[in-house]
Amino acid sequence: FPKDPNECFEMSALALDLADRLQTPIFVMTDLDIGMNQRLTEPLVW
């Protein structure tokens, strides 16, 4: 459950790790609010 675009970025990477580790689908629960609205967020750093 990400709270903002930054966590969407981080949790999407985590989801790939979890999917490989657990061998099961992982759902990143984004929504319309995060996807369409403008908001301040921490920079995306890889």
ModelCIF file with pLDDT and N, C-alpha, C, O atoms, coordinates in Angstrom:
data_MODEL
#
_entry.id   MODEL 
#
_entity.id                         1 
_entity.type                       polymer 
_entity.pdbx_number_of_molecules   1 
#
_entity_poly.entity_id                      1 
_entity_poly.type                           'polypeptide(L)' 
_entity_poly.nstd_linkage                   no 
_entity_poly.nstd_monomer                   no 
_entity_poly.pdbx_seq_one_letter_code       FPKDPNECFEMSALALDLADRLQTPIFVMTDLDIGMNQRLTEPLVW 
_entity_poly.pdbx_seq_one_letter_code_can   FPKDPNECFEMSALALDLADRLQTPIFVMTDLDIGMNQRLTEPLVW 
_entity_poly.pdbx_strand_id                 A 
#
loop_
_entity_poly_seq.entity_id 
_entity_poly_seq.num 
_entity_poly_seq.mon_id 
_entity_poly_seq.hetero 
1 1  PHE n 
1 2  PRO n 
1 3  LYS n 
1 4  ASP n 
1 5  PRO n 
1 6  ASN n 
1 7  GLU n 
1 8  CYS n 
1 9  PHE n 
1 10 GLU n 
1 11 MET n 
1 12 SER n 
1 13 ALA n 
1 14 LEU n 
1 15 ALA n 
1 16 LEU n 
1 17 ASP n 
1 18 LEU n 
1 19 ALA n 
1 20 ASP n 
1 21 ARG n 
1 22 LEU n 
1 23 GLN n 
1 24 THR n 
1 25 PRO n 
1 26 ILE n 
1 27 PHE n 
1 28 VAL n 
1 29 MET n 
1 30 THR n 
1 31 ASP n 
1 32 LEU n 
1 33 ASP n 
1 34 ILE n 
1 35 GLY n 
1 36 MET n 
1 37 ASN n 
1 38 GLN n 
1 39 ARG n 
1 40 LEU n 
1 41 THR n 
1 42 GLU n 
1 43 PRO n 
1 44 LEU n 
1 45 VAL n 
1 46 TRP n 
#
_struct_asym.id          A 
_struct_asym.entity_id   1 
#
loop_
_ma_qa_metric.id 
_ma_qa_metric.mode 
_ma_qa_metric.name 
_ma_qa_metric.software_group_id 
_ma_qa_metric.type 
1 global pLDDT . pLDDT 
2 local  pLDDT . pLDDT 
#
_ma_qa_metric_global.metric_id      1 
_ma_qa_metric_global.metric_value   93.15 
_ma_qa_metric_global.model_id       1 
_ma_qa_metric_global.ordinal_id     1 
#
loop_
_ma_qa_metric_local.label_asym_id 
_ma_qa_metric_local.label_comp_id 
_ma_qa_metric_local.label_seq_id 
_ma_qa_metric_local.metric_id 
_ma_qa_metric_local.metric_value 
_ma_qa_metric_local.model_id 
_ma_qa_metric_local.ordinal_id 
A PHE 1  2 98.00 1 1  
A PRO 2  2 97.00 1 2  
A LYS 3  2 95.00 1 3  
A ASP 4  2 94.00 1 4  
A PRO 5  2 94.00 1 5  
A ASN 6  2 95.00 1 6  
A GLU 7  2 96.00 1 7  
A CYS 8  2 96.00 1 8  
A PHE 9  2 96.00 1 9  
A GLU 10 2 96.00 1 10 
A MET 11 2 97.00 1 11 
A SER 12 2 97.00 1 12 
A ALA 13 2 96.00 1 13 
A LEU 14 2 97.00 1 14 
A ALA 15 2 98.00 1 15 
A LEU 16 2 96.00 1 16 
A ASP 17 2 97.00 1 17 
A LEU 18 2 97.00 1 18 
A ALA 19 2 96.00 1 19 
A ASP 20 2 94.00 1 20 
A ARG 21 2 94.00 1 21 
A LEU 22 2 94.00 1 22 
A GLN 23 2 89.00 1 23 
A THR 24 2 91.00 1 24 
A PRO 25 2 94.00 1 25 
A ILE 26 2 97.00 1 26 
A PHE 27 2 98.00 1 27 
A VAL 28 2 98.00 1 28 
A MET 29 2 97.00 1 29 
A THR 30 2 94.00 1 30 
A ASP 31 2 90.00 1 31 
A LEU 32 2 88.00 1 32 
A ASP 33 2 88.00 1 33 
A ILE 34 2 91.00 1 34 
A GLY 35 2 88.00 1 35 
A MET 36 2 88.00 1 36 
A ASN 37 2 85.00 1 37 
A GLN 38 2 85.00 1 38 
A ARG 39 2 81.00 1 39 
A LEU 40 2 85.00 1 40 
A THR 41 2 87.00 1 41 
A GLU 42 2 89.00 1 42 
A PRO 43 2 91.00 1 43 
A LEU 44 2 94.00 1 44 
A VAL 45 2 93.00 1 45 
A TRP 46 2 94.00 1 46 
#
loop_
_atom_site.group_PDB 
_atom_site.id 
_atom_site.type_symbol 
_atom_site.label_atom_id 
_atom_site.label_alt_id 
_atom_site.label_comp_id 
_atom_site.label_asym_id 
_atom_site.label_entity_id 
_atom_site.label_seq_id 
_atom_site.pdbx_PDB_ins_code 
_atom_site.Cartn_x 
_atom_site.Cartn_y 
_atom_site.Cartn_z 
_atom_site.occupancy 
_atom_site.B_iso_or_equiv 
_atom_site.pdbx_formal_charge 
_atom_site.auth_seq_id 
_atom_site.auth_comp_id 
_atom_site.auth_asym_id 
_atom_site.auth_atom_id 
_atom_site.pdbx_PDB_model_num 
ATOM 1   N N  . PHE A 1 1  ? 0.836  -1.206  0.000   1.00 98.00 ? 1  PHE A N  1 
ATOM 2   C CA . PHE A 1 1  ? 0.000  0.000   0.000   1.00 98.00 ? 1  PHE A CA 1 
ATOM 3   C C  . PHE A 1 1  ? 0.872  1.258   0.000   1.00 98.00 ? 1  PHE A C  1 
ATOM 4   O O  . PHE A 1 1  ? 1.197  1.768   1.072   1.00 98.00 ? 1  PHE A O  1 
ATOM 5   N N  . PRO A 1 2  ? 1.260  1.773   -1.175  1.00 97.00 ? 2  PRO A N  1 
ATOM 6   C CA . PRO A 1 2  ? 2.061  2.996   -1.214  1.00 97.00 ? 2  PRO A CA 1 
ATOM 7   C C  . PRO A 1 2  ? 1.221  4.219   -0.875  1.00 97.00 ? 2  PRO A C  1 
ATOM 8   O O  . PRO A 1 2  ? 0.025  4.262   -1.166  1.00 97.00 ? 2  PRO A O  1 
ATOM 9   N N  . LYS A 1 3  ? 1.863  5.225   -0.250  1.00 95.00 ? 3  LYS A N  1 
ATOM 10  C CA . LYS A 1 3  ? 1.142  6.445   0.123   1.00 95.00 ? 3  LYS A CA 1 
ATOM 11  C C  . LYS A 1 3  ? 1.314  7.568   -0.887  1.00 95.00 ? 3  LYS A C  1 
ATOM 12  O O  . LYS A 1 3  ? 0.540  8.525   -0.887  1.00 95.00 ? 3  LYS A O  1 
ATOM 13  N N  . ASP A 1 4  ? 2.323  7.461   -1.750  1.00 94.00 ? 4  ASP A N  1 
ATOM 14  C CA . ASP A 1 4  ? 2.605  8.547   -2.688  1.00 94.00 ? 4  ASP A CA 1 
ATOM 15  C C  . ASP A 1 4  ? 3.442  8.011   -3.849  1.00 94.00 ? 4  ASP A C  1 
ATOM 16  O O  . ASP A 1 4  ? 3.806  6.835   -3.831  1.00 94.00 ? 4  ASP A O  1 
ATOM 17  N N  . PRO A 1 5  ? 3.764  8.830   -4.862  1.00 94.00 ? 5  PRO A N  1 
ATOM 18  C CA . PRO A 1 5  ? 4.557  8.344   -6.002  1.00 94.00 ? 5  PRO A CA 1 
ATOM 19  C C  . PRO A 1 5  ? 5.913  7.768   -5.608  1.00 94.00 ? 5  PRO A C  1 
ATOM 20  O O  . PRO A 1 5  ? 6.385  6.817   -6.231  1.00 94.00 ? 5  PRO A O  1 
ATOM 21  N N  . ASN A 1 6  ? 6.540  8.333   -4.585  1.00 95.00 ? 6  ASN A N  1 
ATOM 22  C CA . ASN A 1 6  ? 7.840  7.820   -4.161  1.00 95.00 ? 6  ASN A CA 1 
ATOM 23  C C  . ASN A 1 6  ? 7.724  6.372   -3.674  1.00 95.00 ? 6  ASN A C  1 
ATOM 24  O O  . ASN A 1 6  ? 8.542  5.522   -4.026  1.00 95.00 ? 6  ASN A O  1 
ATOM 25  N N  . GLU A 1 7  ? 6.709  6.108   -2.872  1.00 96.00 ? 7  GLU A N  1 
ATOM 26  C CA . GLU A 1 7  ? 6.529  4.733   -2.392  1.00 96.00 ? 7  GLU A CA 1 
ATOM 27  C C  . GLU A 1 7  ? 6.051  3.808   -3.510  1.00 96.00 ? 7  GLU A C  1 
ATOM 28  O O  . GLU A 1 7  ? 6.333  2.610   -3.476  1.00 96.00 ? 7  GLU A O  1 
ATOM 29  N N  . CYS A 1 8  ? 5.331  4.344   -4.500  1.00 96.00 ? 8  CYS A N  1 
ATOM 30  C CA . CYS A 1 8  ? 4.980  3.527   -5.670  1.00 96.00 ? 8  CYS A CA 1 
ATOM 31  C C  . CYS A 1 8  ? 6.262  3.028   -6.345  1.00 96.00 ? 8  CYS A C  1 
ATOM 32  O O  . CYS A 1 8  ? 6.372  1.863   -6.728  1.00 96.00 ? 8  CYS A O  1 
ATOM 33  N N  . PHE A 1 9  ? 7.218  3.937   -6.478  1.00 96.00 ? 9  PHE A N  1 
ATOM 34  C CA . PHE A 1 9  ? 8.515  3.623   -7.093  1.00 96.00 ? 9  PHE A CA 1 
ATOM 35  C C  . PHE A 1 9  ? 9.242  2.549   -6.279  1.00 96.00 ? 9  PHE A C  1 
ATOM 36  O O  . PHE A 1 9  ? 9.697  1.547   -6.831  1.00 96.00 ? 9  PHE A O  1 
ATOM 37  N N  . GLU A 1 10 ? 9.348  2.762   -4.974  1.00 96.00 ? 10 GLU A N  1 
ATOM 38  C CA . GLU A 1 10 ? 10.084 1.836   -4.119  1.00 96.00 ? 10 GLU A CA 1 
ATOM 39  C C  . GLU A 1 10 ? 9.383  0.488   -3.989  1.00 96.00 ? 10 GLU A C  1 
ATOM 40  O O  . GLU A 1 10 ? 10.024 -0.562  -4.021  1.00 96.00 ? 10 GLU A O  1 
ATOM 41  N N  . MET A 1 11 ? 8.063  0.529   -3.844  1.00 97.00 ? 11 MET A N  1 
ATOM 42  C CA . MET A 1 11 ? 7.324  -0.721  -3.644  1.00 97.00 ? 11 MET A CA 1 
ATOM 43  C C  . MET A 1 11 ? 7.197  -1.542  -4.924  1.00 97.00 ? 11 MET A C  1 
ATOM 44  O O  . MET A 1 11 ? 7.035  -2.760  -4.866  1.00 97.00 ? 11 MET A O  1 
ATOM 45  N N  . SER A 1 12 ? 7.269  -0.886  -6.074  1.00 97.00 ? 12 SER A N  1 
ATOM 46  C CA . SER A 1 12 ? 7.257  -1.650  -7.328  1.00 97.00 ? 12 SER A CA 1 
ATOM 47  C C  . SER A 1 12 ? 8.525  -2.485  -7.443  1.00 97.00 ? 12 SER A C  1 
ATOM 48  O O  . SER A 1 12 ? 8.477  -3.638  -7.871  1.00 97.00 ? 12 SER A O  1 
ATOM 49  N N  . ALA A 1 13 ? 9.668  -1.899  -7.056  1.00 96.00 ? 13 ALA A N  1 
ATOM 50  C CA . ALA A 1 13 ? 10.922 -2.663  -7.042  1.00 96.00 ? 13 ALA A CA 1 
ATOM 51  C C  . ALA A 1 13 ? 10.855 -3.789  -6.012  1.00 96.00 ? 13 ALA A C  1 
ATOM 52  O O  . ALA A 1 13 ? 11.277 -4.914  -6.282  1.00 96.00 ? 13 ALA A O  1 
ATOM 53  N N  . LEU A 1 14 ? 10.320 -3.475  -4.829  1.00 97.00 ? 14 LEU A N  1 
ATOM 54  C CA . LEU A 1 14 ? 10.171 -4.492  -3.788  1.00 97.00 ? 14 LEU A CA 1 
ATOM 55  C C  . LEU A 1 14 ? 9.258  -5.622  -4.256  1.00 97.00 ? 14 LEU A C  1 
ATOM 56  O O  . LEU A 1 14 ? 9.508  -6.790  -3.958  1.00 97.00 ? 14 LEU A O  1 
ATOM 57  N N  . ALA A 1 15 ? 8.196  -5.272  -4.992  1.00 98.00 ? 15 ALA A N  1 
ATOM 58  C CA . ALA A 1 15 ? 7.250  -6.280  -5.464  1.00 98.00 ? 15 ALA A CA 1 
ATOM 59  C C  . ALA A 1 15 ? 7.931  -7.312  -6.359  1.00 98.00 ? 15 ALA A C  1 
ATOM 60  O O  . ALA A 1 15 ? 7.609  -8.499  -6.300  1.00 98.00 ? 15 ALA A O  1 
ATOM 61  N N  . LEU A 1 16 ? 8.879  -6.856  -7.196  1.00 96.00 ? 16 LEU A N  1 
ATOM 62  C CA . LEU A 1 16 ? 9.599  -7.792  -8.064  1.00 96.00 ? 16 LEU A CA 1 
ATOM 63  C C  . LEU A 1 16 ? 10.435 -8.756  -7.229  1.00 96.00 ? 16 LEU A C  1 
ATOM 64  O O  . LEU A 1 16 ? 10.475 -9.952  -7.517  1.00 96.00 ? 16 LEU A O  1 
ATOM 65  N N  . ASP A 1 17 ? 11.107 -8.236  -6.187  1.00 97.00 ? 17 ASP A N  1 
ATOM 66  C CA . ASP A 1 17 ? 11.875 -9.103  -5.293  1.00 97.00 ? 17 ASP A CA 1 
ATOM 67  C C  . ASP A 1 17 ? 10.969 -10.114 -4.583  1.00 97.00 ? 17 ASP A C  1 
ATOM 68  O O  . ASP A 1 17 ? 11.279 -11.303 -4.521  1.00 97.00 ? 17 ASP A O  1 
ATOM 69  N N  . LEU A 1 18 ? 9.854  -9.627  -4.054  1.00 97.00 ? 18 LEU A N  1 
ATOM 70  C CA . LEU A 1 18 ? 8.935  -10.510 -3.330  1.00 97.00 ? 18 LEU A CA 1 
ATOM 71  C C  . LEU A 1 18 ? 8.342  -11.573 -4.241  1.00 97.00 ? 18 LEU A C  1 
ATOM 72  O O  . LEU A 1 18 ? 8.177  -12.724 -3.836  1.00 97.00 ? 18 LEU A O  1 
ATOM 73  N N  . ALA A 1 19 ? 8.019  -11.184 -5.485  1.00 96.00 ? 19 ALA A N  1 
ATOM 74  C CA . ALA A 1 19 ? 7.441  -12.140 -6.428  1.00 96.00 ? 19 ALA A CA 1 
ATOM 75  C C  . ALA A 1 19 ? 8.432  -13.257 -6.734  1.00 96.00 ? 19 ALA A C  1 
ATOM 76  O O  . ALA A 1 19 ? 8.038  -14.420 -6.824  1.00 96.00 ? 19 ALA A O  1 
ATOM 77  N N  . ASP A 1 20 ? 9.725  -12.921 -6.898  1.00 94.00 ? 20 ASP A N  1 
ATOM 78  C CA . ASP A 1 20 ? 10.738 -13.945 -7.139  1.00 94.00 ? 20 ASP A CA 1 
ATOM 79  C C  . ASP A 1 20 ? 10.985 -14.790 -5.902  1.00 94.00 ? 20 ASP A C  1 
ATOM 80  O O  . ASP A 1 20 ? 11.123 -16.009 -6.000  1.00 94.00 ? 20 ASP A O  1 
ATOM 81  N N  . ARG A 1 21 ? 11.040 -14.149 -4.730  1.00 94.00 ? 21 ARG A N  1 
ATOM 82  C CA . ARG A 1 21 ? 11.284 -14.880 -3.488  1.00 94.00 ? 21 ARG A CA 1 
ATOM 83  C C  . ARG A 1 21 ? 10.135 -15.827 -3.159  1.00 94.00 ? 21 ARG A C  1 
ATOM 84  O O  . ARG A 1 21 ? 10.357 -16.988 -2.814  1.00 94.00 ? 21 ARG A O  1 
ATOM 85  N N  . LEU A 1 22 ? 8.908  -15.328 -3.269  1.00 94.00 ? 22 LEU A N  1 
ATOM 86  C CA . LEU A 1 22 ? 7.735  -16.103 -2.843  1.00 94.00 ? 22 LEU A CA 1 
ATOM 87  C C  . LEU A 1 22 ? 7.104  -16.904 -3.977  1.00 94.00 ? 22 LEU A C  1 
ATOM 88  O O  . LEU A 1 22 ? 6.269  -17.774 -3.731  1.00 94.00 ? 22 LEU A O  1 
ATOM 89  N N  . GLN A 1 23 ? 7.498  -16.614 -5.220  1.00 89.00 ? 23 GLN A N  1 
ATOM 90  C CA . GLN A 1 23 ? 6.907  -17.286 -6.378  1.00 89.00 ? 23 GLN A CA 1 
ATOM 91  C C  . GLN A 1 23 ? 5.381  -17.180 -6.348  1.00 89.00 ? 23 GLN A C  1 
ATOM 92  O O  . GLN A 1 23 ? 4.662  -18.177 -6.412  1.00 89.00 ? 23 GLN A O  1 
ATOM 93  N N  . THR A 1 24 ? 4.924  -15.947 -6.249  1.00 91.00 ? 24 THR A N  1 
ATOM 94  C CA . THR A 1 24 ? 3.480  -15.689 -6.204  1.00 91.00 ? 24 THR A CA 1 
ATOM 95  C C  . THR A 1 24 ? 3.234  -14.262 -6.692  1.00 91.00 ? 24 THR A C  1 
ATOM 96  O O  . THR A 1 24 ? 4.143  -13.435 -6.634  1.00 91.00 ? 24 THR A O  1 
ATOM 97  N N  . PRO A 1 25 ? 2.029  -13.954 -7.172  1.00 94.00 ? 25 PRO A N  1 
ATOM 98  C CA . PRO A 1 25 ? 1.738  -12.571 -7.580  1.00 94.00 ? 25 PRO A CA 1 
ATOM 99  C C  . PRO A 1 25 ? 1.784  -11.621 -6.388  1.00 94.00 ? 25 PRO A C  1 
ATOM 100 O O  . PRO A 1 25 ? 1.361  -11.972 -5.287  1.00 94.00 ? 25 PRO A O  1 
ATOM 101 N N  . ILE A 1 26 ? 2.302  -10.416 -6.618  1.00 97.00 ? 26 ILE A N  1 
ATOM 102 C CA . ILE A 1 26 ? 2.333  -9.350  -5.620  1.00 97.00 ? 26 ILE A CA 1 
ATOM 103 C C  . ILE A 1 26 ? 1.581  -8.158  -6.197  1.00 97.00 ? 26 ILE A C  1 
ATOM 104 O O  . ILE A 1 26 ? 1.852  -7.749  -7.326  1.00 97.00 ? 26 ILE A O  1 
ATOM 105 N N  . PHE A 1 27 ? 0.644  -7.594  -5.443  1.00 98.00 ? 27 PHE A N  1 
ATOM 106 C CA . PHE A 1 27 ? -0.149 -6.472  -5.924  1.00 98.00 ? 27 PHE A CA 1 
ATOM 107 C C  . PHE A 1 27 ? 0.324  -5.171  -5.267  1.00 98.00 ? 27 PHE A C  1 
ATOM 108 O O  . PHE A 1 27 ? 0.338  -5.057  -4.042  1.00 98.00 ? 27 PHE A O  1 
ATOM 109 N N  . VAL A 1 28 ? 0.710  -4.194  -6.090  1.00 98.00 ? 28 VAL A N  1 
ATOM 110 C CA . VAL A 1 28 ? 1.017  -2.852  -5.590  1.00 98.00 ? 28 VAL A CA 1 
ATOM 111 C C  . VAL A 1 28 ? -0.254 -2.033  -5.733  1.00 98.00 ? 28 VAL A C  1 
ATOM 112 O O  . VAL A 1 28 ? -0.693 -1.747  -6.847  1.00 98.00 ? 28 VAL A O  1 
ATOM 113 N N  . MET A 1 29 ? -0.850 -1.652  -4.595  1.00 97.00 ? 29 MET A N  1 
ATOM 114 C CA . MET A 1 29 ? -2.191 -1.079  -4.585  1.00 97.00 ? 29 MET A CA 1 
ATOM 115 C C  . MET A 1 29 ? -2.153 0.434   -4.782  1.00 97.00 ? 29 MET A C  1 
ATOM 116 O O  . MET A 1 29 ? -2.403 1.205   -3.856  1.00 97.00 ? 29 MET A O  1 
ATOM 117 N N  . THR A 1 30 ? -1.833 0.842   -6.020  1.00 94.00 ? 30 THR A N  1 
ATOM 118 C CA . THR A 1 30 ? -1.926 2.257   -6.361  1.00 94.00 ? 30 THR A CA 1 
ATOM 119 C C  . THR A 1 30 ? -3.399 2.598   -6.594  1.00 94.00 ? 30 THR A C  1 
ATOM 120 O O  . THR A 1 30 ? -4.240 1.699   -6.615  1.00 94.00 ? 30 THR A O  1 
ATOM 121 N N  . ASP A 1 31 ? -3.719 3.869   -6.767  1.00 90.00 ? 31 ASP A N  1 
ATOM 122 C CA . ASP A 1 31 ? -5.105 4.220   -7.076  1.00 90.00 ? 31 ASP A CA 1 
ATOM 123 C C  . ASP A 1 31 ? -5.147 5.522   -7.874  1.00 90.00 ? 31 ASP A C  1 
ATOM 124 O O  . ASP A 1 31 ? -4.115 6.135   -8.147  1.00 90.00 ? 31 ASP A O  1 
ATOM 125 N N  . LEU A 1 32 ? -6.358 5.928   -8.241  1.00 88.00 ? 32 LEU A N  1 
ATOM 126 C CA . LEU A 1 32 ? -6.552 7.095   -9.090  1.00 88.00 ? 32 LEU A CA 1 
ATOM 127 C C  . LEU A 1 32 ? -6.019 8.367   -8.436  1.00 88.00 ? 32 LEU A C  1 
ATOM 128 O O  . LEU A 1 32 ? -5.489 9.246   -9.116  1.00 88.00 ? 32 LEU A O  1 
ATOM 129 N N  . ASP A 1 33 ? -6.161 8.459   -7.120  1.00 88.00 ? 33 ASP A N  1 
ATOM 130 C CA . ASP A 1 33 ? -5.710 9.646   -6.388  1.00 88.00 ? 33 ASP A CA 1 
ATOM 131 C C  . ASP A 1 33 ? -4.205 9.850   -6.593  1.00 88.00 ? 33 ASP A C  1 
ATOM 132 O O  . ASP A 1 33 ? -3.770 10.954  -6.920  1.00 88.00 ? 33 ASP A O  1 
ATOM 133 N N  . ILE A 1 34 ? -3.419 8.804   -6.405  1.00 91.00 ? 34 ILE A N  1 
ATOM 134 C CA . ILE A 1 34 ? -1.970 8.906   -6.571  1.00 91.00 ? 34 ILE A CA 1 
ATOM 135 C C  . ILE A 1 34 ? -1.614 9.107   -8.051  1.00 91.00 ? 34 ILE A C  1 
ATOM 136 O O  . ILE A 1 34 ? -0.701 9.866   -8.375  1.00 91.00 ? 34 ILE A O  1 
ATOM 137 N N  . GLY A 1 35 ? -2.330 8.432   -8.931  1.00 88.00 ? 35 GLY A N  1 
ATOM 138 C CA . GLY A 1 35 ? -1.970 8.434   -10.336 1.00 88.00 ? 35 GLY A CA 1 
ATOM 139 C C  . GLY A 1 35 ? -2.274 9.718   -11.086 1.00 88.00 ? 35 GLY A C  1 
ATOM 140 O O  . GLY A 1 35 ? -1.591 10.037  -12.059 1.00 88.00 ? 35 GLY A O  1 
ATOM 141 N N  . MET A 1 36 ? -3.288 10.463  -10.653 1.00 88.00 ? 36 MET A N  1 
ATOM 142 C CA . MET A 1 36 ? -3.743 11.603  -11.445 1.00 88.00 ? 36 MET A CA 1 
ATOM 143 C C  . MET A 1 36 ? -3.527 12.961  -10.792 1.00 88.00 ? 36 MET A C  1 
ATOM 144 O O  . MET A 1 36 ? -3.476 13.972  -11.492 1.00 88.00 ? 36 MET A O  1 
ATOM 145 N N  . ASN A 1 37 ? -3.401 13.011  -9.481  1.00 85.00 ? 37 ASN A N  1 
ATOM 146 C CA . ASN A 1 37 ? -3.300 14.309  -8.803  1.00 85.00 ? 37 ASN A CA 1 
ATOM 147 C C  . ASN A 1 37 ? -1.852 14.761  -8.664  1.00 85.00 ? 37 ASN A C  1 
ATOM 148 O O  . ASN A 1 37 ? -0.946 13.936  -8.546  1.00 85.00 ? 37 ASN A O  1 
ATOM 149 N N  . GLN A 1 38 ? -1.639 16.060  -8.679  1.00 85.00 ? 38 GLN A N  1 
ATOM 150 C CA . GLN A 1 38 ? -0.312 16.618  -8.429  1.00 85.00 ? 38 GLN A CA 1 
ATOM 151 C C  . GLN A 1 38 ? -0.054 16.642  -6.925  1.00 85.00 ? 38 GLN A C  1 
ATOM 152 O O  . GLN A 1 38 ? -0.925 17.012  -6.137  1.00 85.00 ? 38 GLN A O  1 
ATOM 153 N N  . ARG A 1 39 ? 1.149  16.244  -6.545  1.00 81.00 ? 39 ARG A N  1 
ATOM 154 C CA . ARG A 1 39 ? 1.487  16.267  -5.123  1.00 81.00 ? 39 ARG A CA 1 
ATOM 155 C C  . ARG A 1 39 ? 3.000  16.331  -4.950  1.00 81.00 ? 39 ARG A C  1 
ATOM 156 O O  . ARG A 1 39 ? 3.758  15.916  -5.828  1.00 81.00 ? 39 ARG A O  1 
ATOM 157 N N  . LEU A 1 40 ? 3.421  16.851  -3.820  1.00 85.00 ? 40 LEU A N  1 
ATOM 158 C CA . LEU A 1 40 ? 4.842  16.860  -3.485  1.00 85.00 ? 40 LEU A CA 1 
ATOM 159 C C  . LEU A 1 40 ? 5.259  15.458  -3.041  1.00 85.00 ? 40 LEU A C  1 
ATOM 160 O O  . LEU A 1 40 ? 4.502  14.757  -2.370  1.00 85.00 ? 40 LEU A O  1 
ATOM 161 N N  . THR A 1 41 ? 6.461  15.066  -3.422  1.00 87.00 ? 41 THR A N  1 
ATOM 162 C CA . THR A 1 41 ? 6.965  13.767  -3.002  1.00 87.00 ? 41 THR A CA 1 
ATOM 163 C C  . THR A 1 41 ? 8.475  13.805  -2.967  1.00 87.00 ? 41 THR A C  1 
ATOM 164 O O  . THR A 1 41 ? 9.101  14.631  -3.632  1.00 87.00 ? 41 THR A O  1 
ATOM 165 N N  . GLU A 1 42 ? 9.049  12.925  -2.204  1.00 89.00 ? 42 GLU A N  1 
ATOM 166 C CA . GLU A 1 42 ? 10.506 12.813  -2.188  1.00 89.00 ? 42 GLU A CA 1 
ATOM 167 C C  . GLU A 1 42 ? 11.004 12.409  -3.575  1.00 89.00 ? 42 GLU A C  1 
ATOM 168 O O  . GLU A 1 42 ? 10.304 11.696  -4.294  1.00 89.00 ? 42 GLU A O  1 
ATOM 169 N N  . PRO A 1 43 ? 12.213 12.858  -3.966  1.00 91.00 ? 43 PRO A N  1 
ATOM 170 C CA . PRO A 1 43 ? 12.754 12.471  -5.276  1.00 91.00 ? 43 PRO A CA 1 
ATOM 171 C C  . PRO A 1 43 ? 12.873 10.954  -5.406  1.00 91.00 ? 43 PRO A C  1 
ATOM 172 O O  . PRO A 1 43 ? 13.122 10.254  -4.425  1.00 91.00 ? 43 PRO A O  1 
ATOM 173 N N  . LEU A 1 44 ? 12.694 10.459  -6.619  1.00 94.00 ? 44 LEU A N  1 
ATOM 174 C CA . LEU A 1 44 ? 12.842 9.022   -6.876  1.00 94.00 ? 44 LEU A CA 1 
ATOM 175 C C  . LEU A 1 44 ? 14.325 8.728   -7.076  1.00 94.00 ? 44 LEU A C  1 
ATOM 176 O O  . LEU A 1 44 ? 14.941 9.213   -8.025  1.00 94.00 ? 44 LEU A O  1 
ATOM 177 N N  . VAL A 1 45 ? 14.888 7.936   -6.179  1.00 93.00 ? 45 VAL A N  1 
ATOM 178 C CA . VAL A 1 45 ? 16.322 7.638   -6.210  1.00 93.00 ? 45 VAL A CA 1 
ATOM 179 C C  . VAL A 1 45 ? 16.510 6.129   -6.276  1.00 93.00 ? 45 VAL A C  1 
ATOM 180 O O  . VAL A 1 45 ? 15.967 5.389   -5.455  1.00 93.00 ? 45 VAL A O  1 
ATOM 181 N N  . TRP A 1 46 ? 17.284 5.680   -7.258  1.00 94.00 ? 46 TRP A N  1 
ATOM 182 C CA . TRP A 1 46 ? 17.534 4.243   -7.396  1.00 94.00 ? 46 TRP A CA 1 
ATOM 183 C C  . TRP A 1 46 ? 18.937 3.902   -6.916  1.00 94.00 ? 46 TRP A C  1 
ATOM 184 O O  . TRP A 1 46 ? 19.336 2.738   -6.952  1.00 94.00 ? 46 TRP A O  1 
#
